[in-house]
Structure formats: structure tokens, C-alpha cells
Amino acid sequence: MAPGLTDAANDFLENSASDLRASDISGSSMAELLQYVEQGEPVIVWTTVRMQEPGIVLGESDGYVMRDGSHAVVLCGFDRDAGTVTVADSLDGVVERDAWAFQRIYEVMGSLALVIA
């Protein structure tokens, strides 16, 4: 989940002598996520595989819920007029998703996100 990946990313970035740092921005609104993207900072977001309905709860730890079908994508663009977001998905490549459906699933999955800037 976001805290663990944030720690791992920061370890890697520090060992690579990078000035970049990962920040857990879980709980951010969709508008806040889009502000990061607008600034050229892609955001890792927890959603579901191919935007399917979130599955059953598989487990819970420290307030984080893992659901069947959990998946992470990189939010890298959006088109307000078209009502779409662009994500880099390890399964489907760079694809557009309906912004409202994306937001709903992001929220149901716990509004988990991180940014590296």
C-alpha cells in the first residue's frame, strides 16, 4: 500500500543520490491529484484491474483494506472537457478512463495515492 511503497521508493531514491522524494498523499481529493498531474508530477493511484468493481475484502492491516482486484496505475493526464483521465497501466499500457468512474473506484479503494517529486 501507499506507506510501504513510499518507504521503498525513498530508500531507492536516496541510494540513487536523487533529489526526488516520494510522498504518501492518500486521502487527497481527485482535484488535488489532478493538480499534481498539472504540475507534471504523475501520481500512483490504487484502483482495480481494468476498472472492475472492487472485489471482496481479502484482509486489513493498520487501517488499510486489501480487496480482490486491487491494482495500481500511474495517473499522468486528464481532459476536463472530455471527462477523462489518462493512466499508465501495467496491464493495458497508456489508456483513457472515464474520470467519474476512476474517481469513484479510487475513493472506494481507500483514496490511496503517492507522488514522487
N, C-alpha and C. Protein backbone atom coordinates (compact mmCIF):
# COMPACT_ATOMS: atom_id res chain seq x y z
N MET A 1 0.83 -1.18 0.00
CA MET A 1 0.00 0.00 0.00
C MET A 1 0.88 1.25 0.00
N ALA A 2 0.27 2.38 0.01
CA ALA A 2 1.00 3.64 -0.15
C ALA A 2 2.12 3.85 0.86
N PRO A 3 1.93 3.60 2.16
CA PRO A 3 3.04 3.84 3.09
C PRO A 3 4.27 2.97 2.80
N GLY A 4 4.04 1.69 2.54
CA GLY A 4 5.15 0.79 2.25
C GLY A 4 5.88 1.14 0.97
N LEU A 5 5.11 1.47 -0.07
CA LEU A 5 5.74 1.84 -1.34
C LEU A 5 6.46 3.18 -1.22
N THR A 6 5.93 4.08 -0.42
CA THR A 6 6.60 5.37 -0.19
C THR A 6 7.96 5.15 0.46
N ASP A 7 8.00 4.30 1.49
CA ASP A 7 9.27 3.99 2.16
C ASP A 7 10.26 3.35 1.19
N ALA A 8 9.80 2.37 0.43
CA ALA A 8 10.68 1.69 -0.53
C ALA A 8 11.19 2.66 -1.59
N ALA A 9 10.31 3.51 -2.10
CA ALA A 9 10.73 4.48 -3.11
C ALA A 9 11.76 5.44 -2.55
N ASN A 10 11.54 5.91 -1.33
CA ASN A 10 12.50 6.84 -0.73
C ASN A 10 13.85 6.18 -0.48
N ASP A 11 13.86 4.92 -0.06
CA ASP A 11 15.13 4.20 0.10
C ASP A 11 15.87 4.15 -1.23
N PHE A 12 15.14 3.79 -2.28
CA PHE A 12 15.75 3.70 -3.61
C PHE A 12 16.26 5.06 -4.06
N LEU A 13 15.45 6.09 -3.91
CA LEU A 13 15.84 7.43 -4.36
C LEU A 13 17.06 7.94 -3.60
N GLU A 14 17.10 7.71 -2.30
CA GLU A 14 18.26 8.13 -1.50
C GLU A 14 19.51 7.37 -1.91
N ASN A 15 19.39 6.07 -2.11
CA ASN A 15 20.54 5.25 -2.53
C ASN A 15 21.02 5.60 -3.93
N SER A 16 20.14 6.19 -4.71
CA SER A 16 20.48 6.60 -6.08
C SER A 16 20.94 8.05 -6.14
N ALA A 17 21.09 8.68 -4.97
CA ALA A 17 21.51 10.08 -4.87
C ALA A 17 20.58 11.02 -5.64
N SER A 18 19.29 10.68 -5.65
CA SER A 18 18.30 11.51 -6.32
C SER A 18 17.79 12.58 -5.38
N ASP A 19 17.45 13.73 -5.94
CA ASP A 19 16.83 14.80 -5.16
C ASP A 19 15.32 14.59 -5.01
N LEU A 20 14.78 13.63 -5.76
CA LEU A 20 13.35 13.36 -5.70
C LEU A 20 13.00 12.63 -4.41
N ARG A 21 11.77 12.81 -3.96
CA ARG A 21 11.28 12.10 -2.78
C ARG A 21 9.83 11.69 -3.01
N ALA A 22 9.49 10.54 -2.47
CA ALA A 22 8.11 10.05 -2.55
C ALA A 22 7.33 10.58 -1.35
N SER A 23 6.08 10.92 -1.59
CA SER A 23 5.19 11.39 -0.53
C SER A 23 3.87 10.65 -0.61
N ASP A 24 3.44 10.12 0.52
CA ASP A 24 2.14 9.46 0.61
C ASP A 24 1.08 10.57 0.66
N ILE A 25 0.27 10.65 -0.38
CA ILE A 25 -0.77 11.68 -0.45
C ILE A 25 -2.16 11.05 -0.37
N SER A 26 -2.22 9.89 0.28
CA SER A 26 -3.51 9.21 0.45
C SER A 26 -4.50 10.16 1.12
N GLY A 27 -5.74 10.04 0.71
CA GLY A 27 -6.78 10.91 1.24
C GLY A 27 -6.99 12.16 0.41
N SER A 28 -6.13 12.36 -0.58
CA SER A 28 -6.28 13.53 -1.45
C SER A 28 -7.55 13.41 -2.29
N SER A 29 -8.15 14.55 -2.55
CA SER A 29 -9.32 14.57 -3.44
C SER A 29 -8.85 14.38 -4.88
N MET A 30 -9.78 14.08 -5.74
CA MET A 30 -9.45 13.96 -7.16
C MET A 30 -8.90 15.27 -7.69
N ALA A 31 -9.46 16.38 -7.26
CA ALA A 31 -8.96 17.69 -7.69
C ALA A 31 -7.51 17.88 -7.28
N GLU A 32 -7.17 17.43 -6.09
CA GLU A 32 -5.77 17.55 -5.63
C GLU A 32 -4.85 16.66 -6.45
N LEU A 33 -5.29 15.45 -6.79
CA LEU A 33 -4.47 14.58 -7.63
C LEU A 33 -4.21 15.24 -8.98
N LEU A 34 -5.25 15.85 -9.55
CA LEU A 34 -5.10 16.49 -10.86
C LEU A 34 -4.17 17.70 -10.80
N GLN A 35 -4.09 18.36 -9.65
CA GLN A 35 -3.15 19.48 -9.50
C GLN A 35 -1.70 18.97 -9.61
N TYR A 36 -1.42 17.84 -9.00
CA TYR A 36 -0.08 17.26 -9.14
C TYR A 36 0.22 16.96 -10.61
N VAL A 37 -0.74 16.34 -11.29
CA VAL A 37 -0.54 15.99 -12.69
C VAL A 37 -0.35 17.25 -13.53
N GLU A 38 -1.12 18.29 -13.23
CA GLU A 38 -0.99 19.57 -13.94
C GLU A 38 0.41 20.15 -13.80
N GLN A 39 1.05 19.89 -12.66
CA GLN A 39 2.41 20.38 -12.41
C GLN A 39 3.47 19.44 -12.99
N GLY A 40 3.03 18.41 -13.72
CA GLY A 40 3.97 17.48 -14.34
C GLY A 40 4.45 16.39 -13.41
N GLU A 41 3.70 16.14 -12.33
CA GLU A 41 4.07 15.13 -11.35
C GLU A 41 3.06 13.98 -11.40
N PRO A 42 3.40 12.89 -12.08
CA PRO A 42 2.49 11.75 -12.14
C PRO A 42 2.22 11.19 -10.74
N VAL A 43 1.05 10.60 -10.56
CA VAL A 43 0.62 10.13 -9.25
C VAL A 43 0.28 8.64 -9.34
N ILE A 44 0.83 7.84 -8.44
CA ILE A 44 0.47 6.43 -8.36
C ILE A 44 -0.83 6.35 -7.56
N VAL A 45 -1.82 5.69 -8.14
CA VAL A 45 -3.16 5.62 -7.55
C VAL A 45 -3.61 4.17 -7.50
N TRP A 46 -4.20 3.78 -6.37
CA TRP A 46 -4.75 2.43 -6.24
C TRP A 46 -6.16 2.41 -6.76
N THR A 47 -6.41 1.51 -7.72
CA THR A 47 -7.73 1.35 -8.33
C THR A 47 -8.02 -0.15 -8.36
N THR A 48 -8.66 -0.61 -9.43
CA THR A 48 -8.90 -2.03 -9.63
C THR A 48 -8.47 -2.41 -11.04
N VAL A 49 -8.28 -3.69 -11.25
CA VAL A 49 -7.90 -4.19 -12.56
C VAL A 49 -8.98 -3.81 -13.57
N ARG A 50 -8.56 -3.08 -14.58
CA ARG A 50 -9.44 -2.65 -15.68
C ARG A 50 -10.74 -2.01 -15.20
N MET A 51 -10.64 -1.30 -14.07
CA MET A 51 -11.76 -0.52 -13.53
C MET A 51 -12.96 -1.38 -13.17
N GLN A 52 -12.73 -2.64 -12.84
CA GLN A 52 -13.82 -3.50 -12.41
C GLN A 52 -14.30 -3.06 -11.04
N GLU A 53 -15.48 -3.49 -10.67
CA GLU A 53 -15.99 -3.20 -9.34
C GLU A 53 -15.05 -3.80 -8.31
N PRO A 54 -14.76 -3.08 -7.23
CA PRO A 54 -13.89 -3.63 -6.20
C PRO A 54 -14.45 -4.95 -5.66
N GLY A 55 -13.54 -5.90 -5.46
CA GLY A 55 -13.95 -7.22 -5.00
C GLY A 55 -14.07 -7.30 -3.48
N ILE A 56 -14.17 -8.51 -3.01
CA ILE A 56 -14.33 -8.75 -1.57
C ILE A 56 -13.06 -8.33 -0.83
N VAL A 57 -13.21 -8.03 0.43
CA VAL A 57 -12.07 -7.66 1.27
C VAL A 57 -11.26 -8.92 1.56
N LEU A 58 -9.97 -8.89 1.24
CA LEU A 58 -9.09 -10.02 1.46
C LEU A 58 -8.38 -9.93 2.80
N GLY A 59 -8.21 -8.71 3.27
CA GLY A 59 -7.53 -8.51 4.55
C GLY A 59 -7.46 -7.04 4.89
N GLU A 60 -7.09 -6.79 6.14
CA GLU A 60 -6.98 -5.41 6.61
C GLU A 60 -5.82 -5.33 7.59
N SER A 61 -5.05 -4.25 7.48
CA SER A 61 -3.91 -4.04 8.38
C SER A 61 -3.68 -2.56 8.55
N ASP A 62 -3.55 -2.11 9.78
CA ASP A 62 -3.27 -0.71 10.08
C ASP A 62 -4.23 0.25 9.40
N GLY A 63 -5.49 -0.18 9.25
CA GLY A 63 -6.50 0.68 8.65
C GLY A 63 -6.55 0.62 7.14
N TYR A 64 -5.67 -0.16 6.51
CA TYR A 64 -5.68 -0.31 5.06
C TYR A 64 -6.39 -1.60 4.70
N VAL A 65 -7.25 -1.53 3.71
CA VAL A 65 -8.03 -2.68 3.28
C VAL A 65 -7.52 -3.15 1.93
N MET A 66 -7.24 -4.44 1.83
CA MET A 66 -6.84 -5.04 0.55
C MET A 66 -8.05 -5.78 0.00
N ARG A 67 -8.44 -5.40 -1.22
CA ARG A 67 -9.60 -6.01 -1.87
C ARG A 67 -9.15 -6.85 -3.05
N ASP A 68 -9.93 -7.85 -3.35
CA ASP A 68 -9.71 -8.65 -4.55
C ASP A 68 -9.79 -7.71 -5.75
N GLY A 69 -8.84 -7.81 -6.66
CA GLY A 69 -8.84 -6.96 -7.84
C GLY A 69 -8.07 -5.67 -7.68
N SER A 70 -7.41 -5.48 -6.52
CA SER A 70 -6.62 -4.25 -6.31
C SER A 70 -5.55 -4.12 -7.38
N HIS A 71 -5.31 -2.90 -7.78
CA HIS A 71 -4.35 -2.64 -8.86
C HIS A 71 -3.88 -1.19 -8.71
N ALA A 72 -2.67 -0.93 -9.09
CA ALA A 72 -2.16 0.45 -9.06
C ALA A 72 -1.84 0.89 -10.48
N VAL A 73 -2.12 2.15 -10.76
CA VAL A 73 -1.82 2.76 -12.05
C VAL A 73 -1.16 4.11 -11.79
N VAL A 74 -0.58 4.66 -12.83
CA VAL A 74 0.01 6.00 -12.73
C VAL A 74 -0.90 6.98 -13.45
N LEU A 75 -1.46 7.91 -12.70
CA LEU A 75 -2.30 8.96 -13.26
C LEU A 75 -1.37 10.00 -13.88
N CYS A 76 -1.45 10.16 -15.21
CA CYS A 76 -0.47 11.01 -15.88
C CYS A 76 -1.08 12.09 -16.77
N GLY A 77 -2.41 12.15 -16.86
CA GLY A 77 -3.03 13.19 -17.67
C GLY A 77 -4.52 13.22 -17.47
N PHE A 78 -5.16 14.24 -18.01
CA PHE A 78 -6.61 14.35 -17.93
C PHE A 78 -7.11 15.34 -18.96
N ASP A 79 -8.37 15.21 -19.29
CA ASP A 79 -9.05 16.12 -20.21
C ASP A 79 -10.39 16.46 -19.57
N ARG A 80 -10.46 17.65 -18.98
CA ARG A 80 -11.69 18.05 -18.29
C ARG A 80 -12.88 18.10 -19.23
N ASP A 81 -12.66 18.62 -20.44
CA ASP A 81 -13.76 18.75 -21.39
C ASP A 81 -14.33 17.39 -21.78
N ALA A 82 -13.46 16.41 -21.96
CA ALA A 82 -13.91 15.07 -22.35
C ALA A 82 -14.33 14.23 -21.14
N GLY A 83 -13.96 14.68 -19.93
CA GLY A 83 -14.30 13.93 -18.74
C GLY A 83 -13.50 12.64 -18.61
N THR A 84 -12.21 12.71 -19.01
CA THR A 84 -11.38 11.52 -18.96
C THR A 84 -10.07 11.79 -18.20
N VAL A 85 -9.48 10.71 -17.72
CA VAL A 85 -8.13 10.76 -17.17
C VAL A 85 -7.29 9.80 -18.00
N THR A 86 -6.00 10.07 -18.05
CA THR A 86 -5.06 9.19 -18.74
C THR A 86 -4.21 8.51 -17.69
N VAL A 87 -4.11 7.18 -17.79
CA VAL A 87 -3.31 6.42 -16.85
C VAL A 87 -2.34 5.52 -17.59
N ALA A 88 -1.19 5.31 -16.96
CA ALA A 88 -0.24 4.30 -17.43
C ALA A 88 -0.54 3.06 -16.61
N ASP A 89 -0.97 2.02 -17.29
CA ASP A 89 -1.42 0.79 -16.65
C ASP A 89 -0.50 -0.34 -17.07
N SER A 90 0.05 -1.07 -16.12
CA SER A 90 0.98 -2.15 -16.45
C SER A 90 0.31 -3.27 -17.26
N LEU A 91 -1.00 -3.35 -17.22
CA LEU A 91 -1.72 -4.38 -17.97
C LEU A 91 -2.16 -3.90 -19.36
N ASP A 92 -2.53 -2.62 -19.48
CA ASP A 92 -3.14 -2.13 -20.71
C ASP A 92 -2.37 -1.03 -21.42
N GLY A 93 -1.24 -0.60 -20.86
CA GLY A 93 -0.49 0.49 -21.47
C GLY A 93 -1.07 1.84 -21.06
N VAL A 94 -0.86 2.84 -21.89
CA VAL A 94 -1.39 4.17 -21.61
C VAL A 94 -2.80 4.24 -22.19
N VAL A 95 -3.77 4.44 -21.29
CA VAL A 95 -5.18 4.39 -21.69
C VAL A 95 -5.95 5.53 -21.04
N GLU A 96 -7.09 5.85 -21.64
CA GLU A 96 -8.01 6.83 -21.05
C GLU A 96 -9.09 6.10 -20.30
N ARG A 97 -9.50 6.70 -19.18
CA ARG A 97 -10.58 6.16 -18.37
C ARG A 97 -11.57 7.28 -18.10
N ASP A 98 -12.82 6.93 -17.91
CA ASP A 98 -13.83 7.90 -17.53
C ASP A 98 -13.45 8.48 -16.17
N ALA A 99 -13.38 9.80 -16.07
CA ALA A 99 -12.90 10.46 -14.85
C ALA A 99 -13.79 10.19 -13.65
N TRP A 100 -15.11 10.18 -13.84
CA TRP A 100 -16.02 9.96 -12.71
C TRP A 100 -15.91 8.54 -12.20
N ALA A 101 -15.83 7.57 -13.12
CA ALA A 101 -15.69 6.17 -12.71
C ALA A 101 -14.35 5.96 -12.00
N PHE A 102 -13.30 6.59 -12.52
CA PHE A 102 -11.98 6.49 -11.91
C PHE A 102 -12.01 7.05 -10.49
N GLN A 103 -12.62 8.21 -10.33
CA GLN A 103 -12.70 8.83 -9.00
C GLN A 103 -13.49 7.95 -8.03
N ARG A 104 -14.59 7.40 -8.48
CA ARG A 104 -15.41 6.55 -7.60
C ARG A 104 -14.61 5.33 -7.13
N ILE A 105 -13.92 4.67 -8.04
CA ILE A 105 -13.15 3.49 -7.65
C ILE A 105 -11.98 3.88 -6.76
N TYR A 106 -11.31 4.99 -7.07
CA TYR A 106 -10.23 5.49 -6.21
C TYR A 106 -10.73 5.68 -4.78
N GLU A 107 -11.90 6.27 -4.63
CA GLU A 107 -12.46 6.51 -3.30
C GLU A 107 -12.86 5.22 -2.61
N VAL A 108 -13.52 4.31 -3.34
CA VAL A 108 -13.92 3.03 -2.74
C VAL A 108 -12.70 2.23 -2.31
N MET A 109 -11.61 2.36 -3.03
CA MET A 109 -10.38 1.60 -2.70
C MET A 109 -9.60 2.25 -1.57
N GLY A 110 -10.11 3.34 -1.03
CA GLY A 110 -9.48 3.95 0.14
C GLY A 110 -8.74 5.24 -0.12
N SER A 111 -8.85 5.78 -1.33
CA SER A 111 -8.17 7.04 -1.70
C SER A 111 -6.67 6.96 -1.41
N LEU A 112 -6.05 5.89 -1.89
CA LEU A 112 -4.62 5.67 -1.68
C LEU A 112 -3.83 6.20 -2.87
N ALA A 113 -2.81 7.01 -2.60
CA ALA A 113 -2.02 7.60 -3.67
C ALA A 113 -0.66 8.03 -3.15
N LEU A 114 0.30 8.10 -4.06
CA LEU A 114 1.60 8.69 -3.72
C LEU A 114 2.15 9.39 -4.94
N VAL A 115 3.02 10.35 -4.66
CA VAL A 115 3.63 11.14 -5.73
C VAL A 115 5.13 11.18 -5.47
N ILE A 116 5.90 11.20 -6.55
CA ILE A 116 7.35 11.35 -6.45
C ILE A 116 7.68 12.67 -7.12
N ALA A 117 8.24 13.57 -6.34
CA ALA A 117 8.56 14.92 -6.87
C ALA A 117 9.86 15.41 -6.27
